[in-house]
């Protein structure tokens, strides 16, 4: 994006809000994580203002998001509650950078394909690494894996990671399919995403009462890992982490099948 008029080097929060958080951004149906509405969009403008004054580019902030997210997976290799707590904290910070990189891009007028590509790489990799780390925790930690013990749990973690990636990729595959078919980008609204009348529509309606399909973002995964680490501390073993890992793996299979069915039953792949 080019041709943006020069903007103040030291913007006020109100000036930043007008440019960086327009209704088109705050009103998106799927792109805003619940943390944004809960608190991060209230904080992010203050963080963005500091980043702008320090001279950070939007892509540099995205790299902060990526490295922080990778760190959230890496610290899960620390045994006990310490690793779980550190991961949960780092994913919160990851999402804060994720909010600010777009704001920096909108303020500087540097939104472009490279930044979007980096953002996708960050989210895909982090949301794969956390399940893999969770599988290692379930196996007893890096030492147990090195000794060849409980390797079945690393396989479960890897299967969970594949399921998370496939579920995430389905949304992007829609855009690729439409582009190859010469269709415009699908509207990000409820009418386009809603399945037409039938069994899929009824099942999707029931899913809102048990929205387990929302558990596979880095934030939710790290919070579950943290909660499991507390359970393990209380029980004196790894049963809670193992139960959480196994349950998530089963549920991600259901999620992928349901996601695929909803997409094919909706207007996402149709002209108009």
C-alpha atoms as a PDB file:
ATOM      1  CA  UNK A   1       0.000   0.000   0.000  1.00  0.00           C
ATOM      2  CA  UNK A   2       1.586   3.266  -1.089  1.00  0.00           C
ATOM      3  CA  UNK A   3       0.654   6.897  -1.529  1.00  0.00           C
ATOM      4  CA  UNK A   4      -0.277   7.513   2.092  1.00  0.00           C
ATOM      5  CA  UNK A   5       0.089  11.146   3.148  1.00  0.00           C
ATOM      6  CA  UNK A   6       2.795  11.818   5.768  1.00  0.00           C
ATOM      7  CA  UNK A   7       1.509  11.302   9.290  1.00  0.00           C
ATOM      8  CA  UNK A   8       2.718  12.706  12.611  1.00  0.00           C
ATOM      9  CA  UNK A   9       5.825  11.051  14.016  1.00  0.00           C
ATOM     10  CA  UNK A  10       4.315  11.227  17.497  1.00  0.00           C
ATOM     11  CA  UNK A  11       0.617  10.491  17.024  1.00  0.00           C
ATOM     12  CA  UNK A  12      -1.955  10.725  19.758  1.00  0.00           C
ATOM     13  CA  UNK A  13      -3.960   7.691  20.764  1.00  0.00           C
ATOM     14  CA  UNK A  14      -7.051   9.177  19.092  1.00  0.00           C
ATOM     15  CA  UNK A  15      -5.126   9.708  15.843  1.00  0.00           C
ATOM     16  CA  UNK A  16      -3.883   6.132  15.975  1.00  0.00           C
ATOM     17  CA  UNK A  17      -7.342   4.763  16.718  1.00  0.00           C
ATOM     18  CA  UNK A  18      -8.877   6.521  13.707  1.00  0.00           C
ATOM     19  CA  UNK A  19      -6.330   4.997  11.311  1.00  0.00           C
ATOM     20  CA  UNK A  20      -5.366   1.719  12.964  1.00  0.00           C
ATOM     21  CA  UNK A  21      -8.657   0.503  14.402  1.00  0.00           C
ATOM     22  CA  UNK A  22     -11.349   1.489  11.896  1.00  0.00           C
ATOM     23  CA  UNK A  23     -14.735  -0.278  11.983  1.00  0.00           C
ATOM     24  CA  UNK A  24     -13.606  -2.491   9.082  1.00  0.00           C
ATOM     25  CA  UNK A  25     -10.972  -3.956  11.404  1.00  0.00           C
ATOM     26  CA  UNK A  26     -12.883  -4.083  14.696  1.00  0.00           C
ATOM     27  CA  UNK A  27     -16.007  -5.419  13.009  1.00  0.00           C
ATOM     28  CA  UNK A  28     -14.446  -8.424  11.268  1.00  0.00           C
ATOM     29  CA  UNK A  29     -16.383 -11.624  11.912  1.00  0.00           C
ATOM     30  CA  UNK A  30     -13.475 -14.099  12.036  1.00  0.00           C
ATOM     31  CA  UNK A  31     -10.172 -12.229  12.043  1.00  0.00           C
ATOM     32  CA  UNK A  32     -10.377 -10.769  15.564  1.00  0.00           C
ATOM     33  CA  UNK A  33      -9.451 -13.093  18.410  1.00  0.00           C
ATOM     34  CA  UNK A  34     -11.557 -12.830  21.555  1.00  0.00           C
ATOM     35  CA  UNK A  35      -8.545 -11.426  23.401  1.00  0.00           C
ATOM     36  CA  UNK A  36      -8.748  -8.391  21.127  1.00  0.00           C
ATOM     37  CA  UNK A  37     -12.245  -7.593  22.306  1.00  0.00           C
ATOM     38  CA  UNK A  38     -11.449  -8.512  25.891  1.00  0.00           C
ATOM     39  CA  UNK A  39      -8.432  -6.270  26.410  1.00  0.00           C
ATOM     40  CA  UNK A  40      -5.713  -6.273  23.782  1.00  0.00           C
ATOM     41  CA  UNK A  41      -7.174  -3.684  21.434  1.00  0.00           C
ATOM     42  CA  UNK A  42      -7.409  -1.362  24.442  1.00  0.00           C
ATOM     43  CA  UNK A  43      -3.691  -1.805  25.087  1.00  0.00           C
ATOM     44  CA  UNK A  44      -2.347  -2.251  21.572  1.00  0.00           C
ATOM     45  CA  UNK A  45      -2.537   1.410  20.543  1.00  0.00           C
ATOM     46  CA  UNK A  46      -0.250   2.347  23.430  1.00  0.00           C
ATOM     47  CA  UNK A  47       2.171  -0.433  22.438  1.00  0.00           C
ATOM     48  CA  UNK A  48       1.944   0.609  18.788  1.00  0.00           C
ATOM     49  CA  UNK A  49       2.740   4.225  19.633  1.00  0.00           C
ATOM     50  CA  UNK A  50       5.938   3.119  21.416  1.00  0.00           C
ATOM     51  CA  UNK A  51       6.901   0.839  18.514  1.00  0.00           C
ATOM     52  CA  UNK A  52       6.405   3.687  16.038  1.00  0.00           C
ATOM     53  CA  UNK A  53       8.570   6.026  18.104  1.00  0.00           C
ATOM     54  CA  UNK A  54      11.286   3.367  18.273  1.00  0.00           C
ATOM     55  CA  UNK A  55      11.228   3.068  14.480  1.00  0.00           C
ATOM     56  CA  UNK A  56       9.899  -0.481  14.218  1.00  0.00           C
ATOM     57  CA  UNK A  57       8.519  -1.546  10.854  1.00  0.00           C
ATOM     58  CA  UNK A  58       5.375  -3.662  10.693  1.00  0.00           C
ATOM     59  CA  UNK A  59       7.400  -6.667   9.505  1.00  0.00           C
ATOM     60  CA  UNK A  60       9.812  -6.288  12.423  1.00  0.00           C
ATOM     61  CA  UNK A  61       6.855  -6.436  14.818  1.00  0.00           C
ATOM     62  CA  UNK A  62       5.583  -9.529  13.013  1.00  0.00           C
ATOM     63  CA  UNK A  63       8.960 -11.159  13.581  1.00  0.00           C
ATOM     64  CA  UNK A  64       8.589 -10.327  17.282  1.00  0.00           C
ATOM     65  CA  UNK A  65       5.242 -12.118  17.155  1.00  0.00           C
ATOM     66  CA  UNK A  66       6.774 -15.155  15.448  1.00  0.00           C
ATOM     67  CA  UNK A  67       9.747 -15.491  17.798  1.00  0.00           C
ATOM     68  CA  UNK A  68       7.559 -14.965  20.872  1.00  0.00           C
ATOM     69  CA  UNK A  69       5.170 -17.639  19.618  1.00  0.00           C
ATOM     70  CA  UNK A  70       8.002 -20.076  19.019  1.00  0.00           C
ATOM     71  CA  UNK A  71       9.183 -19.319  22.533  1.00  0.00           C
ATOM     72  CA  UNK A  72       5.754 -20.198  23.902  1.00  0.00           C
ATOM     73  CA  UNK A  73       6.156 -23.686  22.435  1.00  0.00           C
ATOM     74  CA  UNK A  74       9.779 -24.042  23.532  1.00  0.00           C
ATOM     75  CA  UNK A  75       9.087 -23.235  27.195  1.00  0.00           C
ATOM     76  CA  UNK A  76       6.558 -26.067  27.333  1.00  0.00           C
ATOM     77  CA  UNK A  77       9.616 -28.316  27.416  1.00  0.00           C
ATOM     78  CA  UNK A  78      10.304 -26.924  30.905  1.00  0.00           C
ATOM     79  CA  UNK A  79       8.766 -29.452  33.313  1.00  0.00           C
ATOM     80  CA  UNK A  80       5.927 -28.671  35.669  1.00  0.00           C
ATOM     81  CA  UNK A  81       3.793 -25.599  36.201  1.00  0.00           C
ATOM     82  CA  UNK A  82       6.684 -23.287  35.315  1.00  0.00           C
ATOM     83  CA  UNK A  83       6.644 -24.326  31.652  1.00  0.00           C
ATOM     84  CA  UNK A  84       2.865 -24.191  31.413  1.00  0.00           C
ATOM     85  CA  UNK A  85       2.673 -20.740  33.005  1.00  0.00           C
ATOM     86  CA  UNK A  86       5.476 -19.348  30.839  1.00  0.00           C
ATOM     87  CA  UNK A  87       3.789 -20.618  27.677  1.00  0.00           C
ATOM     88  CA  UNK A  88       0.478 -19.004  28.616  1.00  0.00           C
ATOM     89  CA  UNK A  89       2.190 -15.674  29.288  1.00  0.00           C
ATOM     90  CA  UNK A  90       4.148 -15.758  26.028  1.00  0.00           C
ATOM     91  CA  UNK A  91       1.081 -16.481  23.897  1.00  0.00           C
ATOM     92  CA  UNK A  92      -0.579 -13.424  25.431  1.00  0.00           C
ATOM     93  CA  UNK A  93       2.459 -11.393  24.399  1.00  0.00           C
ATOM     94  CA  UNK A  94       2.440 -13.032  20.975  1.00  0.00           C
ATOM     95  CA  UNK A  95      -1.111 -11.827  20.420  1.00  0.00           C
ATOM     96  CA  UNK A  96      -0.186  -8.340  21.591  1.00  0.00           C
ATOM     97  CA  UNK A  97       2.517  -8.140  18.899  1.00  0.00           C
ATOM     98  CA  UNK A  98      -0.014  -9.586  16.452  1.00  0.00           C
ATOM     99  CA  UNK A  99      -2.391  -6.725  17.166  1.00  0.00           C
ATOM    100  CA  UNK A 100       0.338  -4.101  16.859  1.00  0.00           C
ATOM    101  CA  UNK A 101       1.954  -5.265  13.613  1.00  0.00           C
ATOM    102  CA  UNK A 102      -1.216  -4.543  11.651  1.00  0.00           C
ATOM    103  CA  UNK A 103      -1.619  -1.196  13.386  1.00  0.00           C
ATOM    104  CA  UNK A 104       1.943  -0.199  12.536  1.00  0.00           C
ATOM    105  CA  UNK A 105       1.339  -1.261   8.911  1.00  0.00           C
ATOM    106  CA  UNK A 106      -1.867   0.762   8.656  1.00  0.00           C
ATOM    107  CA  UNK A 107      -0.245   3.840  10.206  1.00  0.00           C
ATOM    108  CA  UNK A 108       2.819   3.680   7.975  1.00  0.00           C
ATOM    109  CA  UNK A 109       0.819   2.613   4.907  1.00  0.00           C
ATOM    110  CA  UNK A 110       2.975  -0.463   4.410  1.00  0.00           C
ATOM    111  CA  UNK A 111       0.338  -3.198   4.310  1.00  0.00           C
ATOM    112  CA  UNK A 112       1.364  -5.741   1.690  1.00  0.00           C
ATOM    113  CA  UNK A 113       1.676  -9.373   0.661  1.00  0.00           C
ATOM    114  CA  UNK A 114       5.011  -9.937   2.405  1.00  0.00           C
ATOM    115  CA  UNK A 115       3.640  -8.893   5.783  1.00  0.00           C
ATOM    116  CA  UNK A 116       0.559 -11.080   5.356  1.00  0.00           C
ATOM    117  CA  UNK A 117       2.820 -13.982   4.357  1.00  0.00           C
ATOM    118  CA  UNK A 118       4.971 -13.510   7.474  1.00  0.00           C
ATOM    119  CA  UNK A 119       1.867 -13.359   9.651  1.00  0.00           C
ATOM    120  CA  UNK A 120       0.578 -16.632   8.199  1.00  0.00           C
ATOM    121  CA  UNK A 121       3.948 -18.322   8.689  1.00  0.00           C
ATOM    122  CA  UNK A 122       3.939 -17.190  12.306  1.00  0.00           C
ATOM    123  CA  UNK A 123       0.491 -18.478  13.163  1.00  0.00           C
ATOM    124  CA  UNK A 124       0.833 -21.754  11.278  1.00  0.00           C
ATOM    125  CA  UNK A 125       4.207 -22.605  12.797  1.00  0.00           C
ATOM    126  CA  UNK A 126       3.337 -21.616  16.369  1.00  0.00           C
ATOM    127  CA  UNK A 127       0.055 -23.508  16.317  1.00  0.00           C
ATOM    128  CA  UNK A 128       1.918 -26.611  15.107  1.00  0.00           C
ATOM    129  CA  UNK A 129       4.842 -26.335  17.520  1.00  0.00           C
ATOM    130  CA  UNK A 130       2.660 -26.066  20.644  1.00  0.00           C
ATOM    131  CA  UNK A 131       0.886 -29.437  20.073  1.00  0.00           C
ATOM    132  CA  UNK A 132       4.242 -31.075  19.335  1.00  0.00           C
ATOM    133  CA  UNK A 133       5.626 -29.678  22.599  1.00  0.00           C
ATOM    134  CA  UNK A 134       2.477 -30.828  24.381  1.00  0.00           C
ATOM    135  CA  UNK A 135       3.100 -34.353  23.086  1.00  0.00           C
ATOM    136  CA  UNK A 136       6.668 -34.211  24.422  1.00  0.00           C
ATOM    137  CA  UNK A 137       5.349 -33.080  27.816  1.00  0.00           C
ATOM    138  CA  UNK A 138       2.884 -35.979  27.777  1.00  0.00           C
ATOM    139  CA  UNK A 139       5.779 -38.367  27.061  1.00  0.00           C
ATOM    140  CA  UNK A 140       7.573 -37.164  30.157  1.00  0.00           C
ATOM    141  CA  UNK A 141       9.714 -34.392  28.724  1.00  0.00           C
ATOM    142  CA  UNK A 142      12.652 -34.103  26.371  1.00  0.00           C
ATOM    143  CA  UNK A 143      14.750 -36.466  28.505  1.00  0.00           C
ATOM    144  CA  UNK A 144      12.190 -39.245  28.286  1.00  0.00           C
ATOM    145  CA  UNK A 145      11.919 -38.800  24.526  1.00  0.00           C
ATOM    146  CA  UNK A 146      15.716 -38.924  24.159  1.00  0.00           C
ATOM    147  CA  UNK A 147      15.699 -42.197  26.094  1.00  0.00           C
ATOM    148  CA  UNK A 148      12.987 -43.608  23.811  1.00  0.00           C
ATOM    149  CA  UNK A 149      10.310 -43.744  26.506  1.00  0.00           C
ATOM    150  CA  UNK A 150       6.587 -43.122  25.907  1.00  0.00           C
ATOM    151  CA  UNK A 151       7.142 -42.150  22.269  1.00  0.00           C
ATOM    152  CA  UNK A 152       3.503 -42.903  21.512  1.00  0.00           C
ATOM    153  CA  UNK A 153       2.648 -39.559  23.100  1.00  0.00           C
ATOM    154  CA  UNK A 154       4.952 -37.699  20.723  1.00  0.00           C
ATOM    155  CA  UNK A 155       3.020 -39.339  17.876  1.00  0.00           C
ATOM    156  CA  UNK A 156      -0.251 -38.166  19.415  1.00  0.00           C
ATOM    157  CA  UNK A 157       1.167 -34.628  19.652  1.00  0.00           C
ATOM    158  CA  UNK A 158       2.278 -34.779  16.024  1.00  0.00           C
ATOM    159  CA  UNK A 159      -1.181 -35.964  14.935  1.00  0.00           C
ATOM    160  CA  UNK A 160      -2.696 -33.084  16.881  1.00  0.00           C
ATOM    161  CA  UNK A 161      -0.348 -30.664  15.120  1.00  0.00           C
ATOM    162  CA  UNK A 162      -1.340 -32.046  11.691  1.00  0.00           C
ATOM    163  CA  UNK A 163      -5.014 -31.709  12.552  1.00  0.00           C
ATOM    164  CA  UNK A 164      -4.554 -28.121  13.738  1.00  0.00           C
ATOM    165  CA  UNK A 165      -2.670 -27.229  10.545  1.00  0.00           C
ATOM    166  CA  UNK A 166      -5.269 -28.861   8.291  1.00  0.00           C
ATOM    167  CA  UNK A 167      -8.145 -27.154  10.086  1.00  0.00           C
ATOM    168  CA  UNK A 168      -6.362 -23.810   9.800  1.00  0.00           C
ATOM    169  CA  UNK A 169      -5.462 -24.386   6.144  1.00  0.00           C
ATOM    170  CA  UNK A 170      -9.082 -24.988   5.108  1.00  0.00           C
ATOM    171  CA  UNK A 171      -9.847 -21.270   5.422  1.00  0.00           C
ATOM    172  CA  UNK A 172      -6.894 -20.330   3.238  1.00  0.00           C
ATOM    173  CA  UNK A 173      -7.698 -23.090   0.738  1.00  0.00           C
ATOM    174  CA  UNK A 174     -11.067 -21.408   0.196  1.00  0.00           C
ATOM    175  CA  UNK A 175      -9.299 -18.220  -0.909  1.00  0.00           C
ATOM    176  CA  UNK A 176      -6.898 -20.172  -3.132  1.00  0.00           C
ATOM    177  CA  UNK A 177      -9.777 -22.062  -4.768  1.00  0.00           C
ATOM    178  CA  UNK A 178     -11.730 -18.862  -5.432  1.00  0.00           C
ATOM    179  CA  UNK A 179      -8.633 -17.164  -6.866  1.00  0.00           C
ATOM    180  CA  UNK A 180      -7.946 -20.075  -9.222  1.00  0.00           C
ATOM    181  CA  UNK A 181     -11.599 -20.011 -10.302  1.00  0.00           C
ATOM    182  CA  UNK A 182     -11.382 -16.284 -11.058  1.00  0.00           C
ATOM    183  CA  UNK A 183     -13.800 -15.361  -8.275  1.00  0.00           C
ATOM    184  CA  UNK A 184     -13.541 -12.380  -5.945  1.00  0.00           C
ATOM    185  CA  UNK A 185     -12.542 -12.883  -2.342  1.00  0.00           C
ATOM    186  CA  UNK A 186     -15.397 -14.328  -0.279  1.00  0.00           C
ATOM    187  CA  UNK A 187     -17.130 -11.864   2.001  1.00  0.00           C
ATOM    188  CA  UNK A 188     -16.249 -12.267   5.672  1.00  0.00           C
ATOM    189  CA  UNK A 189     -19.814 -12.249   6.963  1.00  0.00           C
ATOM    190  CA  UNK A 190     -22.246 -14.620   8.615  1.00  0.00           C
ATOM    191  CA  UNK A 191     -24.448 -15.013   5.531  1.00  0.00           C
ATOM    192  CA  UNK A 192     -21.582 -16.300   3.400  1.00  0.00           C
ATOM    193  CA  UNK A 193     -20.300 -18.686   6.073  1.00  0.00           C
ATOM    194  CA  UNK A 194     -23.726 -20.052   7.057  1.00  0.00           C
ATOM    195  CA  UNK A 195     -24.516 -23.520   5.618  1.00  0.00           C
ATOM    196  CA  UNK A 196     -27.679 -23.816   3.609  1.00  0.00           C
ATOM    197  CA  UNK A 197     -30.596 -25.570   5.289  1.00  0.00           C
ATOM    198  CA  UNK A 198     -29.945 -29.214   6.089  1.00  0.00           C
ATOM    199  CA  UNK A 199     -28.161 -31.536   8.491  1.00  0.00           C
ATOM    200  CA  UNK A 200     -24.903 -29.570   8.409  1.00  0.00           C
ATOM    201  CA  UNK A 201     -26.722 -26.358   9.303  1.00  0.00           C
ATOM    202  CA  UNK A 202     -28.449 -28.043  12.250  1.00  0.00           C
ATOM    203  CA  UNK A 203     -25.209 -29.588  13.519  1.00  0.00           C
ATOM    204  CA  UNK A 204     -23.426 -26.253  13.199  1.00  0.00           C
ATOM    205  CA  UNK A 205     -26.170 -24.662  15.261  1.00  0.00           C
ATOM    206  CA  UNK A 206     -25.646 -27.260  17.988  1.00  0.00           C
ATOM    207  CA  UNK A 207     -21.875 -26.676  17.929  1.00  0.00           C
ATOM    208  CA  UNK A 208     -22.286 -23.236  19.460  1.00  0.00           C
ATOM    209  CA  UNK A 209     -23.252 -24.932  22.730  1.00  0.00           C
ATOM    210  CA  UNK A 210     -19.942 -26.861  22.769  1.00  0.00           C
ATOM    211  CA  UNK A 211     -17.505 -24.731  20.752  1.00  0.00           C
ATOM    212  CA  UNK A 212     -14.507 -27.074  21.047  1.00  0.00           C
ATOM    213  CA  UNK A 213     -13.516 -26.068  17.500  1.00  0.00           C
ATOM    214  CA  UNK A 214     -12.195 -22.838  19.029  1.00  0.00           C
ATOM    215  CA  UNK A 215      -9.564 -24.610  21.139  1.00  0.00           C
ATOM    216  CA  UNK A 216      -6.808 -24.771  18.538  1.00  0.00           C
ATOM    217  CA  UNK A 217      -5.431 -21.245  18.582  1.00  0.00           C
ATOM    218  CA  UNK A 218      -2.074 -20.783  20.313  1.00  0.00           C
ATOM    219  CA  UNK A 219      -3.700 -18.917  23.216  1.00  0.00           C
ATOM    220  CA  UNK A 220      -6.257 -21.626  23.973  1.00  0.00           C
ATOM    221  CA  UNK A 221      -3.699 -24.413  23.552  1.00  0.00           C
ATOM    222  CA  UNK A 222      -1.269 -22.754  25.954  1.00  0.00           C
ATOM    223  CA  UNK A 223      -3.998 -22.104  28.525  1.00  0.00           C
ATOM    224  CA  UNK A 224      -5.026 -25.759  28.357  1.00  0.00           C
ATOM    225  CA  UNK A 225      -1.388 -26.801  28.743  1.00  0.00           C
ATOM    226  CA  UNK A 226      -1.098 -24.512  31.778  1.00  0.00           C
ATOM    227  CA  UNK A 227      -4.280 -25.901  33.325  1.00  0.00           C
ATOM    228  CA  UNK A 228      -3.040 -29.444  32.678  1.00  0.00           C
ATOM    229  CA  UNK A 229       0.292 -28.655  34.335  1.00  0.00           C
ATOM    230  CA  UNK A 230      -1.572 -27.558  37.460  1.00  0.00           C
ATOM    231  CA  UNK A 231      -3.589 -30.786  37.347  1.00  0.00           C
ATOM    232  CA  UNK A 232      -0.394 -32.792  37.012  1.00  0.00           C
ATOM    233  CA  UNK A 233       1.122 -30.963  39.979  1.00  0.00           C
ATOM    234  CA  UNK A 234      -1.888 -31.878  42.100  1.00  0.00           C
ATOM    235  CA  UNK A 235      -2.062 -35.501  40.921  1.00  0.00           C
ATOM    236  CA  UNK A 236       1.680 -36.087  41.014  1.00  0.00           C
ATOM    237  CA  UNK A 237       1.898 -37.504  37.487  1.00  0.00           C
ATOM    238  CA  UNK A 238       1.214 -36.722  33.848  1.00  0.00           C
ATOM    239  CA  UNK A 239      -2.315 -38.093  33.614  1.00  0.00           C
ATOM    240  CA  UNK A 240      -3.975 -34.705  33.129  1.00  0.00           C
ATOM    241  CA  UNK A 241      -1.602 -33.582  30.354  1.00  0.00           C
ATOM    242  CA  UNK A 242      -2.049 -36.939  28.649  1.00  0.00           C
ATOM    243  CA  UNK A 243      -5.834 -36.757  28.916  1.00  0.00           C
ATOM    244  CA  UNK A 244      -5.868 -33.212  27.509  1.00  0.00           C
ATOM    245  CA  UNK A 245      -3.529 -34.145  24.636  1.00  0.00           C
ATOM    246  CA  UNK A 246      -5.539 -37.243  23.711  1.00  0.00           C
ATOM    247  CA  UNK A 247      -8.876 -35.425  23.936  1.00  0.00           C
ATOM    248  CA  UNK A 248      -7.669 -32.527  21.798  1.00  0.00           C
ATOM    249  CA  UNK A 249      -6.423 -34.984  19.168  1.00  0.00           C
ATOM    250  CA  UNK A 250      -9.785 -36.736  18.947  1.00  0.00           C
ATOM    251  CA  UNK A 251     -11.697 -33.466  18.874  1.00  0.00           C
ATOM    252  CA  UNK A 252      -9.487 -31.926  16.177  1.00  0.00           C
ATOM    253  CA  UNK A 253     -10.459 -34.796  13.872  1.00  0.00           C
ATOM    254  CA  UNK A 254     -14.138 -33.993  14.467  1.00  0.00           C
ATOM    255  CA  UNK A 255     -13.369 -30.296  13.950  1.00  0.00           C
ATOM    256  CA  UNK A 256     -11.656 -30.830  10.592  1.00  0.00           C
ATOM    257  CA  UNK A 257     -14.512 -32.972   9.271  1.00  0.00           C
ATOM    258  CA  UNK A 258     -17.095 -30.471  10.490  1.00  0.00           C
ATOM    259  CA  UNK A 259     -15.172 -27.496   9.119  1.00  0.00           C
ATOM    260  CA  UNK A 260     -14.912 -29.150   5.702  1.00  0.00           C
ATOM    261  CA  UNK A 261     -18.632 -29.942   5.710  1.00  0.00           C
ATOM    262  CA  UNK A 262     -19.587 -26.381   6.687  1.00  0.00           C
ATOM    263  CA  UNK A 263     -17.416 -24.874   3.931  1.00  0.00           C
ATOM    264  CA  UNK A 264     -18.826 -27.118   1.207  1.00  0.00           C
ATOM    265  CA  UNK A 265     -22.400 -26.532   2.406  1.00  0.00           C
ATOM    266  CA  UNK A 266     -22.010 -22.727   2.514  1.00  0.00           C
ATOM    267  CA  UNK A 267     -21.646 -20.034  -0.156  1.00  0.00           C
ATOM    268  CA  UNK A 268     -17.893 -19.699   0.358  1.00  0.00           C
ATOM    269  CA  UNK A 269     -17.058 -21.590  -2.832  1.00  0.00           C
ATOM    270  CA  UNK A 270     -19.845 -20.136  -4.956  1.00  0.00           C
ATOM    271  CA  UNK A 271     -19.883 -17.102  -7.204  1.00  0.00           C
ATOM    272  CA  UNK A 272     -21.554 -13.970  -5.952  1.00  0.00           C
END
